[in-house]
Amino acid sequence: MFAIPAPPVRKQLKPVISKEEYVGMKRKLRSFNNFKRHPRASRPELKVFLMAVELLYSTTDKFRQMPATQKNIDHIRGLIAKSNEFEDILIRVVLRGEKLDDVLKKNYPK
């Protein structure tokens, strides 16, 4: 009889987003869903930003269990940073009542 070697043990990487970060992200998503009910959030020019934030949250949620390689960490952190920028724009326009053009000119001058 021949002895069959055991398969090599794979090192289990922790997920890209920790449990605490995931709980915080779910809380932000609930708040965002309440935010979308605000009367000024239904303005047509904000639809792109609302859809982008929702897409970024859902993408981050889907890929949260990915292994924590440096490439995955950088990708998820980039998504979170981009959603924070869009959230800032939405908050300033919807809640503070600033004009979208003014906010975009201040944040993204050409």
PDB file of N, CA and C in Angstrom:
ATOM      1  N   MET A   1       0.825  -1.185   0.000  1.00  0.00           N
ATOM      2  CA  MET A   1       0.000   0.000   0.000  1.00  0.00           C
ATOM      3  C   MET A   1       0.871   1.251   0.000  1.00  0.00           C
ATOM      4  N   PHE A   2       0.316   2.243  -0.657  1.00  0.00           N
ATOM      5  CA  PHE A   2       1.008   3.521  -0.723  1.00  0.00           C
ATOM      6  C   PHE A   2       0.341   4.505   0.232  1.00  0.00           C
ATOM      7  N   ALA A   3       1.148   5.310   0.871  1.00  0.00           N
ATOM      8  CA  ALA A   3       0.623   6.350   1.756  1.00  0.00           C
ATOM      9  C   ALA A   3       0.333   7.600   0.925  1.00  0.00           C
ATOM     10  N   ILE A   4      -0.819   8.139   1.108  1.00  0.00           N
ATOM     11  CA  ILE A   4      -1.209   9.351   0.388  1.00  0.00           C
ATOM     12  C   ILE A   4      -0.987  10.536   1.318  1.00  0.00           C
ATOM     13  N   PRO A   5      -0.204  11.513   0.850  1.00  0.00           N
ATOM     14  CA  PRO A   5       0.036  12.660   1.726  1.00  0.00           C
ATOM     15  C   PRO A   5      -1.230  13.497   1.893  1.00  0.00           C
ATOM     16  N   ALA A   6      -1.340  14.104   3.035  1.00  0.00           N
ATOM     17  CA  ALA A   6      -2.486  14.978   3.311  1.00  0.00           C
ATOM     18  C   ALA A   6      -2.354  16.246   2.472  1.00  0.00           C
ATOM     19  N   PRO A   7      -3.472  16.788   2.029  1.00  0.00           N
ATOM     20  CA  PRO A   7      -3.384  18.034   1.256  1.00  0.00           C
ATOM     21  C   PRO A   7      -2.835  19.158   2.129  1.00  0.00           C
ATOM     22  N   PRO A   8      -2.128  20.094   1.505  1.00  0.00           N
ATOM     23  CA  PRO A   8      -1.575  21.191   2.306  1.00  0.00           C
ATOM     24  C   PRO A   8      -2.688  22.029   2.929  1.00  0.00           C
ATOM     25  N   VAL A   9      -2.424  22.498   4.112  1.00  0.00           N
ATOM     26  CA  VAL A   9      -3.400  23.318   4.829  1.00  0.00           C
ATOM     27  C   VAL A   9      -3.303  24.742   4.297  1.00  0.00           C
ATOM     28  N   ARG A  10      -4.427  25.261   3.870  1.00  0.00           N
ATOM     29  CA  ARG A  10      -4.462  26.640   3.391  1.00  0.00           C
ATOM     30  C   ARG A  10      -4.598  27.583   4.574  1.00  0.00           C
ATOM     31  N   LYS A  11      -3.822  28.632   4.509  1.00  0.00           N
ATOM     32  CA  LYS A  11      -3.935  29.644   5.546  1.00  0.00           C
ATOM     33  C   LYS A  11      -5.227  30.420   5.312  1.00  0.00           C
ATOM     34  N   GLN A  12      -6.075  30.451   6.299  1.00  0.00           N
ATOM     35  CA  GLN A  12      -7.369  31.126   6.186  1.00  0.00           C
ATOM     36  C   GLN A  12      -7.174  32.616   6.450  1.00  0.00           C
ATOM     37  N   LEU A  13      -7.439  33.417   5.429  1.00  0.00           N
ATOM     38  CA  LEU A  13      -7.340  34.866   5.592  1.00  0.00           C
ATOM     39  C   LEU A  13      -8.637  35.402   6.181  1.00  0.00           C
ATOM     40  N   LYS A  14      -8.499  36.428   6.990  1.00  0.00           N
ATOM     41  CA  LYS A  14      -9.707  37.039   7.544  1.00  0.00           C
ATOM     42  C   LYS A  14     -10.430  37.806   6.441  1.00  0.00           C
ATOM     43  N   PRO A  15     -11.725  38.083   6.613  1.00  0.00           N
ATOM     44  CA  PRO A  15     -12.471  38.800   5.572  1.00  0.00           C
ATOM     45  C   PRO A  15     -12.012  40.253   5.446  1.00  0.00           C
ATOM     46  N   VAL A  16     -12.293  40.844   4.305  1.00  0.00           N
ATOM     47  CA  VAL A  16     -11.871  42.216   4.018  1.00  0.00           C
ATOM     48  C   VAL A  16     -12.506  43.201   4.993  1.00  0.00           C
ATOM     49  N   ILE A  17     -13.774  43.008   5.292  1.00  0.00           N
ATOM     50  CA  ILE A  17     -14.498  43.895   6.201  1.00  0.00           C
ATOM     51  C   ILE A  17     -14.773  43.136   7.492  1.00  0.00           C
ATOM     52  N   SER A  18     -14.347  43.711   8.602  1.00  0.00           N
ATOM     53  CA  SER A  18     -14.556  43.054   9.890  1.00  0.00           C
ATOM     54  C   SER A  18     -16.036  43.082  10.274  1.00  0.00           C
ATOM     55  N   LYS A  19     -16.365  42.305  11.282  1.00  0.00           N
ATOM     56  CA  LYS A  19     -17.756  42.235  11.751  1.00  0.00           C
ATOM     57  C   LYS A  19     -18.241  43.614  12.216  1.00  0.00           C
ATOM     58  N   GLU A  20     -17.386  44.346  12.939  1.00  0.00           N
ATOM     59  CA  GLU A  20     -17.766  45.672  13.441  1.00  0.00           C
ATOM     60  C   GLU A  20     -17.999  46.649  12.285  1.00  0.00           C
ATOM     61  N   GLU A  21     -17.109  46.598  11.282  1.00  0.00           N
ATOM     62  CA  GLU A  21     -17.288  47.476  10.123  1.00  0.00           C
ATOM     63  C   GLU A  21     -18.566  47.123   9.368  1.00  0.00           C
ATOM     64  N   TYR A  22     -18.864  45.830   9.298  1.00  0.00           N
ATOM     65  CA  TYR A  22     -20.069  45.393   8.598  1.00  0.00           C
ATOM     66  C   TYR A  22     -21.322  45.886   9.319  1.00  0.00           C
ATOM     67  N   VAL A  23     -21.331  45.804  10.643  1.00  0.00           N
ATOM     68  CA  VAL A  23     -22.479  46.291  11.415  1.00  0.00           C
ATOM     69  C   VAL A  23     -22.648  47.796  11.192  1.00  0.00           C
ATOM     70  N   GLY A  24     -21.550  48.539  11.201  1.00  0.00           N
ATOM     71  CA  GLY A  24     -21.616  49.976  10.944  1.00  0.00           C
ATOM     72  C   GLY A  24     -22.108  50.289   9.544  1.00  0.00           C
ATOM     73  N   MET A  25     -21.678  49.474   8.572  1.00  0.00           N
ATOM     74  CA  MET A  25     -22.114  49.678   7.197  1.00  0.00           C
ATOM     75  C   MET A  25     -23.609  49.413   7.048  1.00  0.00           C
ATOM     76  N   LYS A  26     -24.114  48.380   7.705  1.00  0.00           N
ATOM     77  CA  LYS A  26     -25.549  48.086   7.651  1.00  0.00           C
ATOM     78  C   LYS A  26     -26.347  49.217   8.297  1.00  0.00           C
ATOM     79  N   ARG A  27     -25.817  49.795   9.365  1.00  0.00           N
ATOM     80  CA  ARG A  27     -26.478  50.919  10.024  1.00  0.00           C
ATOM     81  C   ARG A  27     -26.527  52.125   9.082  1.00  0.00           C
ATOM     82  N   LYS A  28     -25.425  52.375   8.370  1.00  0.00           N
ATOM     83  CA  LYS A  28     -25.399  53.476   7.407  1.00  0.00           C
ATOM     84  C   LYS A  28     -26.382  53.230   6.267  1.00  0.00           C
ATOM     85  N   LEU A  29     -26.525  51.981   5.859  1.00  0.00           N
ATOM     86  CA  LEU A  29     -27.461  51.653   4.782  1.00  0.00           C
ATOM     87  C   LEU A  29     -28.899  51.892   5.221  1.00  0.00           C
ATOM     88  N   ARG A  30     -29.223  51.548   6.475  1.00  0.00           N
ATOM     89  CA  ARG A  30     -30.572  51.834   6.993  1.00  0.00           C
ATOM     90  C   ARG A  30     -30.821  53.335   7.026  1.00  0.00           C
ATOM     91  N   SER A  31     -29.836  54.093   7.486  1.00  0.00           N
ATOM     92  CA  SER A  31     -29.977  55.551   7.523  1.00  0.00           C
ATOM     93  C   SER A  31     -30.117  56.116   6.111  1.00  0.00           C
ATOM     94  N   PHE A  32     -29.371  55.546   5.176  1.00  0.00           N
ATOM     95  CA  PHE A  32     -29.450  55.997   3.788  1.00  0.00           C
ATOM     96  C   PHE A  32     -30.838  55.745   3.212  1.00  0.00           C
ATOM     97  N   ASN A  33     -31.444  54.610   3.548  1.00  0.00           N
ATOM     98  CA  ASN A  33     -32.801  54.324   3.069  1.00  0.00           C
ATOM     99  C   ASN A  33     -33.807  55.320   3.633  1.00  0.00           C
ATOM    100  N   ASN A  34     -33.624  55.743   4.886  1.00  0.00           N
ATOM    101  CA  ASN A  34     -34.474  56.798   5.454  1.00  0.00           C
ATOM    102  C   ASN A  34     -34.204  58.137   4.765  1.00  0.00           C
ATOM    103  N   PHE A  35     -32.945  58.391   4.469  1.00  0.00           N
ATOM    104  CA  PHE A  35     -32.536  59.627   3.810  1.00  0.00           C
ATOM    105  C   PHE A  35     -33.211  59.769   2.444  1.00  0.00           C
ATOM    106  N   LYS A  36     -33.356  58.660   1.729  1.00  0.00           N
ATOM    107  CA  LYS A  36     -33.957  58.697   0.387  1.00  0.00           C
ATOM    108  C   LYS A  36     -35.418  59.128   0.419  1.00  0.00           C
ATOM    109  N   ARG A  37     -36.058  59.040   1.569  1.00  0.00           N
ATOM    110  CA  ARG A  37     -37.467  59.445   1.687  1.00  0.00           C
ATOM    111  C   ARG A  37     -37.635  60.956   1.842  1.00  0.00           C
ATOM    112  N   HIS A  38     -36.541  61.667   2.052  1.00  0.00           N
ATOM    113  CA  HIS A  38     -36.604  63.119   2.206  1.00  0.00           C
ATOM    114  C   HIS A  38     -37.139  63.730   0.910  1.00  0.00           C
ATOM    115  N   PRO A  39     -38.013  64.741   1.018  1.00  0.00           N
ATOM    116  CA  PRO A  39     -38.614  65.329  -0.193  1.00  0.00           C
ATOM    117  C   PRO A  39     -37.591  65.860  -1.200  1.00  0.00           C
ATOM    118  N   ARG A  40     -36.511  66.482  -0.718  1.00  0.00           N
ATOM    119  CA  ARG A  40     -35.521  67.032  -1.656  1.00  0.00           C
ATOM    120  C   ARG A  40     -34.639  65.954  -2.278  1.00  0.00           C
ATOM    121  N   ALA A  41     -34.678  64.739  -1.735  1.00  0.00           N
ATOM    122  CA  ALA A  41     -33.866  63.651  -2.298  1.00  0.00           C
ATOM    123  C   ALA A  41     -34.448  63.116  -3.596  1.00  0.00           C
ATOM    124  N   SER A  42     -35.665  63.514  -3.916  1.00  0.00           N
ATOM    125  CA  SER A  42     -36.302  63.016  -5.139  1.00  0.00           C
ATOM    126  C   SER A  42     -36.009  63.906  -6.350  1.00  0.00           C
ATOM    127  N   ARG A  43     -35.131  64.886  -6.177  1.00  0.00           N
ATOM    128  CA  ARG A  43     -34.786  65.759  -7.302  1.00  0.00           C
ATOM    129  C   ARG A  43     -34.060  64.956  -8.381  1.00  0.00           C
ATOM    130  N   PRO A  44     -34.400  65.164  -9.646  1.00  0.00           N
ATOM    131  CA  PRO A  44     -33.831  64.343 -10.728  1.00  0.00           C
ATOM    132  C   PRO A  44     -32.309  64.405 -10.834  1.00  0.00           C
ATOM    133  N   GLU A  45     -31.713  65.564 -10.554  1.00  0.00           N
ATOM    134  CA  GLU A  45     -30.257  65.678 -10.694  1.00  0.00           C
ATOM    135  C   GLU A  45     -29.499  64.887  -9.624  1.00  0.00           C
ATOM    136  N   LEU A  46     -30.183  64.485  -8.557  1.00  0.00           N
ATOM    137  CA  LEU A  46     -29.538  63.702  -7.499  1.00  0.00           C
ATOM    138  C   LEU A  46     -29.671  62.201  -7.708  1.00  0.00           C
ATOM    139  N   LYS A  47     -30.457  61.809  -8.681  1.00  0.00           N
ATOM    140  CA  LYS A  47     -30.714  60.388  -8.894  1.00  0.00           C
ATOM    141  C   LYS A  47     -29.422  59.609  -9.151  1.00  0.00           C
ATOM    142  N   VAL A  48     -28.511  60.194  -9.910  1.00  0.00           N
ATOM    143  CA  VAL A  48     -27.243  59.530 -10.220  1.00  0.00           C
ATOM    144  C   VAL A  48     -26.450  59.278  -8.939  1.00  0.00           C
ATOM    145  N   PHE A  49     -26.399  60.263  -8.050  1.00  0.00           N
ATOM    146  CA  PHE A  49     -25.646  60.118  -6.810  1.00  0.00           C
ATOM    147  C   PHE A  49     -26.301  59.092  -5.885  1.00  0.00           C
ATOM    148  N   LEU A  50     -27.628  59.116  -5.819  1.00  0.00           N
ATOM    149  CA  LEU A  50     -28.340  58.147  -4.984  1.00  0.00           C
ATOM    150  C   LEU A  50     -28.106  56.722  -5.479  1.00  0.00           C
ATOM    151  N   MET A  51     -28.181  56.533  -6.781  1.00  0.00           N
ATOM    152  CA  MET A  51     -27.957  55.194  -7.332  1.00  0.00           C
ATOM    153  C   MET A  51     -26.510  54.756  -7.135  1.00  0.00           C
ATOM    154  N   ALA A  52     -25.570  55.689  -7.251  1.00  0.00           N
ATOM    155  CA  ALA A  52     -24.159  55.349  -7.069  1.00  0.00           C
ATOM    156  C   ALA A  52     -23.877  54.905  -5.638  1.00  0.00           C
ATOM    157  N   VAL A  53     -24.414  55.627  -4.659  1.00  0.00           N
ATOM    158  CA  VAL A  53     -24.199  55.247  -3.260  1.00  0.00           C
ATOM    159  C   VAL A  53     -24.821  53.887  -2.984  1.00  0.00           C
ATOM    160  N   GLU A  54     -26.012  53.674  -3.493  1.00  0.00           N
ATOM    161  CA  GLU A  54     -26.674  52.388  -3.288  1.00  0.00           C
ATOM    162  C   GLU A  54     -25.878  51.252  -3.935  1.00  0.00           C
ATOM    163  N   LEU A  55     -25.361  51.486  -5.126  1.00  0.00           N
ATOM    164  CA  LEU A  55     -24.557  50.481  -5.813  1.00  0.00           C
ATOM    165  C   LEU A  55     -23.266  50.197  -5.054  1.00  0.00           C
ATOM    166  N   LEU A  56     -22.621  51.244  -4.563  1.00  0.00           N
ATOM    167  CA  LEU A  56     -21.383  51.052  -3.813  1.00  0.00           C
ATOM    168  C   LEU A  56     -21.624  50.274  -2.526  1.00  0.00           C
ATOM    169  N   TYR A  57     -22.726  50.570  -1.828  1.00  0.00           N
ATOM    170  CA  TYR A  57     -23.051  49.819  -0.614  1.00  0.00           C
ATOM    171  C   TYR A  57     -23.341  48.355  -0.929  1.00  0.00           C
ATOM    172  N   SER A  58     -24.111  48.108  -1.975  1.00  0.00           N
ATOM    173  CA  SER A  58     -24.452  46.718  -2.285  1.00  0.00           C
ATOM    174  C   SER A  58     -23.217  45.946  -2.748  1.00  0.00           C
ATOM    175  N   THR A  59     -22.331  46.590  -3.506  1.00  0.00           N
ATOM    176  CA  THR A  59     -21.098  45.935  -3.938  1.00  0.00           C
ATOM    177  C   THR A  59     -20.216  45.618  -2.743  1.00  0.00           C
ATOM    178  N   THR A  60     -20.079  46.565  -1.841  1.00  0.00           N
ATOM    179  CA  THR A  60     -19.282  46.333  -0.639  1.00  0.00           C
ATOM    180  C   THR A  60     -19.886  45.215   0.187  1.00  0.00           C
ATOM    181  N   ASP A  61     -21.208  45.173   0.275  1.00  0.00           N
ATOM    182  CA  ASP A  61     -21.882  44.122   1.034  1.00  0.00           C
ATOM    183  C   ASP A  61     -21.650  42.754   0.401  1.00  0.00           C
ATOM    184  N   LYS A  62     -21.698  42.685  -0.915  1.00  0.00           N
ATOM    185  CA  LYS A  62     -21.519  41.404  -1.609  1.00  0.00           C
ATOM    186  C   LYS A  62     -20.101  40.859  -1.446  1.00  0.00           C
ATOM    187  N   PHE A  63     -19.125  41.744  -1.477  1.00  0.00           N
ATOM    188  CA  PHE A  63     -17.735  41.307  -1.458  1.00  0.00           C
ATOM    189  C   PHE A  63     -17.082  41.388  -0.086  1.00  0.00           C
ATOM    190  N   ARG A  64     -17.852  41.528   0.956  1.00  0.00           N
ATOM    191  CA  ARG A  64     -17.269  41.688   2.288  1.00  0.00           C
ATOM    192  C   ARG A  64     -16.583  40.431   2.791  1.00  0.00           C
ATOM    193  N   GLN A  65     -16.972  39.254   2.291  1.00  0.00           N
ATOM    194  CA  GLN A  65     -16.374  37.999   2.746  1.00  0.00           C
ATOM    195  C   GLN A  65     -15.145  37.598   1.931  1.00  0.00           C
ATOM    196  N   MET A  66     -14.725  38.442   1.017  1.00  0.00           N
ATOM    197  CA  MET A  66     -13.533  38.130   0.229  1.00  0.00           C
ATOM    198  C   MET A  66     -12.329  38.051   1.154  1.00  0.00           C
ATOM    199  N   PRO A  67     -11.331  37.246   0.795  1.00  0.00           N
ATOM    200  CA  PRO A  67     -10.131  37.182   1.637  1.00  0.00           C
ATOM    201  C   PRO A  67      -9.408  38.524   1.651  1.00  0.00           C
ATOM    202  N   ALA A  68      -8.783  38.817   2.759  1.00  0.00           N
ATOM    203  CA  ALA A  68      -8.166  40.130   2.964  1.00  0.00           C
ATOM    204  C   ALA A  68      -6.782  40.199   2.329  1.00  0.00           C
ATOM    205  N   THR A  69      -6.721  40.075   1.017  1.00  0.00           N
ATOM    206  CA  THR A  69      -5.466  40.329   0.316  1.00  0.00           C
ATOM    207  C   THR A  69      -5.326  41.836   0.144  1.00  0.00           C
ATOM    208  N   GLN A  70      -4.116  42.283  -0.129  1.00  0.00           N
ATOM    209  CA  GLN A  70      -3.897  43.724  -0.246  1.00  0.00           C
ATOM    210  C   GLN A  70      -4.706  44.313  -1.397  1.00  0.00           C
ATOM    211  N   LYS A  71      -4.821  43.583  -2.490  1.00  0.00           N
ATOM    212  CA  LYS A  71      -5.599  44.055  -3.643  1.00  0.00           C
ATOM    213  C   LYS A  71      -7.073  44.223  -3.271  1.00  0.00           C
ATOM    214  N   ASN A  72      -7.639  43.238  -2.566  1.00  0.00           N
ATOM    215  CA  ASN A  72      -9.044  43.314  -2.160  1.00  0.00           C
ATOM    216  C   ASN A  72      -9.272  44.438  -1.155  1.00  0.00           C
ATOM    217  N   ILE A  73      -8.345  44.593  -0.232  1.00  0.00           N
ATOM    218  CA  ILE A  73      -8.471  45.659   0.774  1.00  0.00           C
ATOM    219  C   ILE A  73      -8.465  47.025   0.087  1.00  0.00           C
ATOM    220  N   ASP A  74      -7.535  47.220  -0.849  1.00  0.00           N
ATOM    221  CA  ASP A  74      -7.469  48.499  -1.566  1.00  0.00           C
ATOM    222  C   ASP A  74      -8.748  48.752  -2.360  1.00  0.00           C
ATOM    223  N   HIS A  75      -9.280  47.710  -2.975  1.00  0.00           N
ATOM    224  CA  HIS A  75     -10.504  47.848  -3.778  1.00  0.00           C
ATOM    225  C   HIS A  75     -11.698  48.246  -2.903  1.00  0.00           C
ATOM    226  N   ILE A  76     -11.889  47.544  -1.798  1.00  0.00           N
ATOM    227  CA  ILE A  76     -13.015  47.836  -0.900  1.00  0.00           C
ATOM    228  C   ILE A  76     -12.858  49.215  -0.274  1.00  0.00           C
ATOM    229  N   ARG A  77     -11.647  49.560   0.144  1.00  0.00           N
ATOM    230  CA  ARG A  77     -11.424  50.882   0.742  1.00  0.00           C
ATOM    231  C   ARG A  77     -11.708  51.991  -0.269  1.00  0.00           C
ATOM    232  N   GLY A  78     -11.369  51.751  -1.538  1.00  0.00           N
ATOM    233  CA  GLY A  78     -11.682  52.725  -2.586  1.00  0.00           C
ATOM    234  C   GLY A  78     -13.179  52.907  -2.758  1.00  0.00           C
ATOM    235  N   LEU A  79     -13.924  51.791  -2.710  1.00  0.00           N
ATOM    236  CA  LEU A  79     -15.386  51.875  -2.814  1.00  0.00           C
ATOM    237  C   LEU A  79     -15.972  52.662  -1.649  1.00  0.00           C
ATOM    238  N   ILE A  80     -15.472  52.404  -0.449  1.00  0.00           N
ATOM    239  CA  ILE A  80     -15.975  53.099   0.738  1.00  0.00           C
ATOM    240  C   ILE A  80     -15.644  54.593   0.659  1.00  0.00           C
ATOM    241  N   ALA A  81     -14.438  54.926   0.211  1.00  0.00           N
ATOM    242  CA  ALA A  81     -14.052  56.340   0.093  1.00  0.00           C
ATOM    243  C   ALA A  81     -14.927  57.058  -0.930  1.00  0.00           C
ATOM    244  N   LYS A  82     -15.203  56.401  -2.047  1.00  0.00           N
ATOM    245  CA  LYS A  82     -16.039  57.016  -3.082  1.00  0.00           C
ATOM    246  C   LYS A  82     -17.471  57.212  -2.577  1.00  0.00           C
ATOM    247  N   SER A  83     -17.997  56.225  -1.833  1.00  0.00           N
ATOM    248  CA  SER A  83     -19.357  56.381  -1.310  1.00  0.00           C
ATOM    249  C   SER A  83     -19.412  57.510  -0.285  1.00  0.00           C
ATOM    250  N   ASN A  84     -18.338  57.697   0.490  1.00  0.00           N
ATOM    251  CA  ASN A  84     -18.306  58.804   1.451  1.00  0.00           C
ATOM    252  C   ASN A  84     -18.345  60.155   0.736  1.00  0.00           C
ATOM    253  N   GLU A  85     -17.654  60.261  -0.409  1.00  0.00           N
ATOM    254  CA  GLU A  85     -17.693  61.507  -1.182  1.00  0.00           C
ATOM    255  C   GLU A  85     -19.109  61.795  -1.678  1.00  0.00           C
ATOM    256  N   PHE A  86     -19.756  60.771  -2.219  1.00  0.00           N
ATOM    257  CA  PHE A  86     -21.118  60.955  -2.730  1.00  0.00           C
ATOM    258  C   PHE A  86     -22.095  61.267  -1.598  1.00  0.00           C
ATOM    259  N   GLU A  87     -21.908  60.619  -0.444  1.00  0.00           N
ATOM    260  CA  GLU A  87     -22.770  60.903   0.712  1.00  0.00           C
ATOM    261  C   GLU A  87     -22.633  62.359   1.118  1.00  0.00           C
ATOM    262  N   ASP A  88     -21.401  62.869   1.121  1.00  0.00           N
ATOM    263  CA  ASP A  88     -21.172  64.262   1.493  1.00  0.00           C
ATOM    264  C   ASP A  88     -21.915  65.201   0.546  1.00  0.00           C
ATOM    265  N   ILE A  89     -21.844  64.915  -0.739  1.00  0.00           N
ATOM    266  CA  ILE A  89     -22.554  65.741  -1.722  1.00  0.00           C
ATOM    267  C   ILE A  89     -24.056  65.697  -1.461  1.00  0.00           C
ATOM    268  N   LEU A  90     -24.592  64.502  -1.240  1.00  0.00           N
ATOM    269  CA  LEU A  90     -26.035  64.363  -1.014  1.00  0.00           C
ATOM    270  C   LEU A  90     -26.477  65.077   0.258  1.00  0.00           C
ATOM    271  N   ILE A  91     -25.714  64.949   1.320  1.00  0.00           N
ATOM    272  CA  ILE A  91     -26.075  65.595   2.587  1.00  0.00           C
ATOM    273  C   ILE A  91     -26.086  67.110   2.426  1.00  0.00           C
ATOM    274  N   ARG A  92     -25.064  67.636   1.761  1.00  0.00           N
ATOM    275  CA  ARG A  92     -24.992  69.082   1.594  1.00  0.00           C
ATOM    276  C   ARG A  92     -26.134  69.618   0.742  1.00  0.00           C
ATOM    277  N   VAL A  93     -26.540  68.866  -0.273  1.00  0.00           N
ATOM    278  CA  VAL A  93     -27.603  69.346  -1.160  1.00  0.00           C
ATOM    279  C   VAL A  93     -28.975  69.127  -0.544  1.00  0.00           C
ATOM    280  N   VAL A  94     -29.220  67.926  -0.014  1.00  0.00           N
ATOM    281  CA  VAL A  94     -30.564  67.591   0.474  1.00  0.00           C
ATOM    282  C   VAL A  94     -30.831  68.199   1.845  1.00  0.00           C
ATOM    283  N   LEU A  95     -29.946  68.006   2.786  1.00  0.00           N
ATOM    284  CA  LEU A  95     -30.218  68.454   4.157  1.00  0.00           C
ATOM    285  C   LEU A  95     -29.848  69.913   4.393  1.00  0.00           C
ATOM    286  N   ARG A  96     -28.726  70.359   3.855  1.00  0.00           N
ATOM    287  CA  ARG A  96     -28.314  71.743   4.077  1.00  0.00           C
ATOM    288  C   ARG A  96     -28.938  72.711   3.081  1.00  0.00           C
ATOM    289  N   GLY A  97     -29.471  72.187   1.990  1.00  0.00           N
ATOM    290  CA  GLY A  97     -30.133  73.037   1.010  1.00  0.00           C
ATOM    291  C   GLY A  97     -29.202  73.776   0.070  1.00  0.00           C
ATOM    292  N   GLU A  98     -27.942  73.348  -0.031  1.00  0.00           N
ATOM    293  CA  GLU A  98     -27.016  73.995  -0.954  1.00  0.00           C
ATOM    294  C   GLU A  98     -27.351  73.586  -2.391  1.00  0.00           C
ATOM    295  N   LYS A  99     -26.898  74.365  -3.333  1.00  0.00           N
ATOM    296  CA  LYS A  99     -27.121  74.050  -4.746  1.00  0.00           C
ATOM    297  C   LYS A  99     -26.086  73.016  -5.194  1.00  0.00           C
ATOM    298  N   LEU A 100     -26.536  72.073  -6.010  1.00  0.00           N
ATOM    299  CA  LEU A 100     -25.659  70.994  -6.466  1.00  0.00           C
ATOM    300  C   LEU A 100     -24.461  71.538  -7.236  1.00  0.00           C
ATOM    301  N   ASP A 101     -24.684  72.524  -8.085  1.00  0.00           N
ATOM    302  CA  ASP A 101     -23.579  73.095  -8.866  1.00  0.00           C
ATOM    303  C   ASP A 101     -22.517  73.704  -7.962  1.00  0.00           C
ATOM    304  N   ASP A 102     -22.948  74.408  -6.907  1.00  0.00           N
ATOM    305  CA  ASP A 102     -21.995  75.021  -5.979  1.00  0.00           C
ATOM    306  C   ASP A 102     -21.180  73.959  -5.248  1.00  0.00           C
ATOM    307  N   VAL A 103     -21.840  72.898  -4.817  1.00  0.00           N
ATOM    308  CA  VAL A 103     -21.149  71.826  -4.092  1.00  0.00           C
ATOM    309  C   VAL A 103     -20.130  71.148  -5.000  1.00  0.00           C
ATOM    310  N   LEU A 104     -20.518  70.881  -6.233  1.00  0.00           N
ATOM    311  CA  LEU A 104     -19.600  70.222  -7.161  1.00  0.00           C
ATOM    312  C   LEU A 104     -18.422  71.124  -7.518  1.00  0.00           C
ATOM    313  N   LYS A 105     -18.662  72.432  -7.644  1.00  0.00           N
ATOM    314  CA  LYS A 105     -17.567  73.356  -7.947  1.00  0.00           C
ATOM    315  C   LYS A 105     -16.581  73.445  -6.792  1.00  0.00           C
ATOM    316  N   LYS A 106     -17.092  73.412  -5.550  1.00  0.00           N
ATOM    317  CA  LYS A 106     -16.208  73.481  -4.385  1.00  0.00           C
ATOM    318  C   LYS A 106     -15.401  72.198  -4.231  1.00  0.00           C
ATOM    319  N   ASN A 107     -16.047  71.051  -4.414  1.00  0.00           N
ATOM    320  CA  ASN A 107     -15.372  69.771  -4.202  1.00  0.00           C
ATOM    321  C   ASN A 107     -14.524  69.339  -5.385  1.00  0.00           C
ATOM    322  N   TYR A 108     -14.971  69.643  -6.594  1.00  0.00           N
ATOM    323  CA  TYR A 108     -14.293  69.166  -7.796  1.00  0.00           C
ATOM    324  C   TYR A 108     -14.066  70.313  -8.774  1.00  0.00           C
ATOM    325  N   PRO A 109     -13.169  71.243  -8.438  1.00  0.00           N
ATOM    326  CA  PRO A 109     -12.913  72.347  -9.373  1.00  0.00           C
ATOM    327  C   PRO A 109     -12.211  71.812 -10.625  1.00  0.00           C
ATOM    328  N   LYS A 110     -12.515  72.426 -11.755  1.00  0.00           N
ATOM    329  CA  LYS A 110     -11.910  71.953 -13.020  1.00  0.00           C
ATOM    330  C   LYS A 110     -10.577  72.566 -13.269  1.00  0.00           C
TER     331      LYS A 110
END
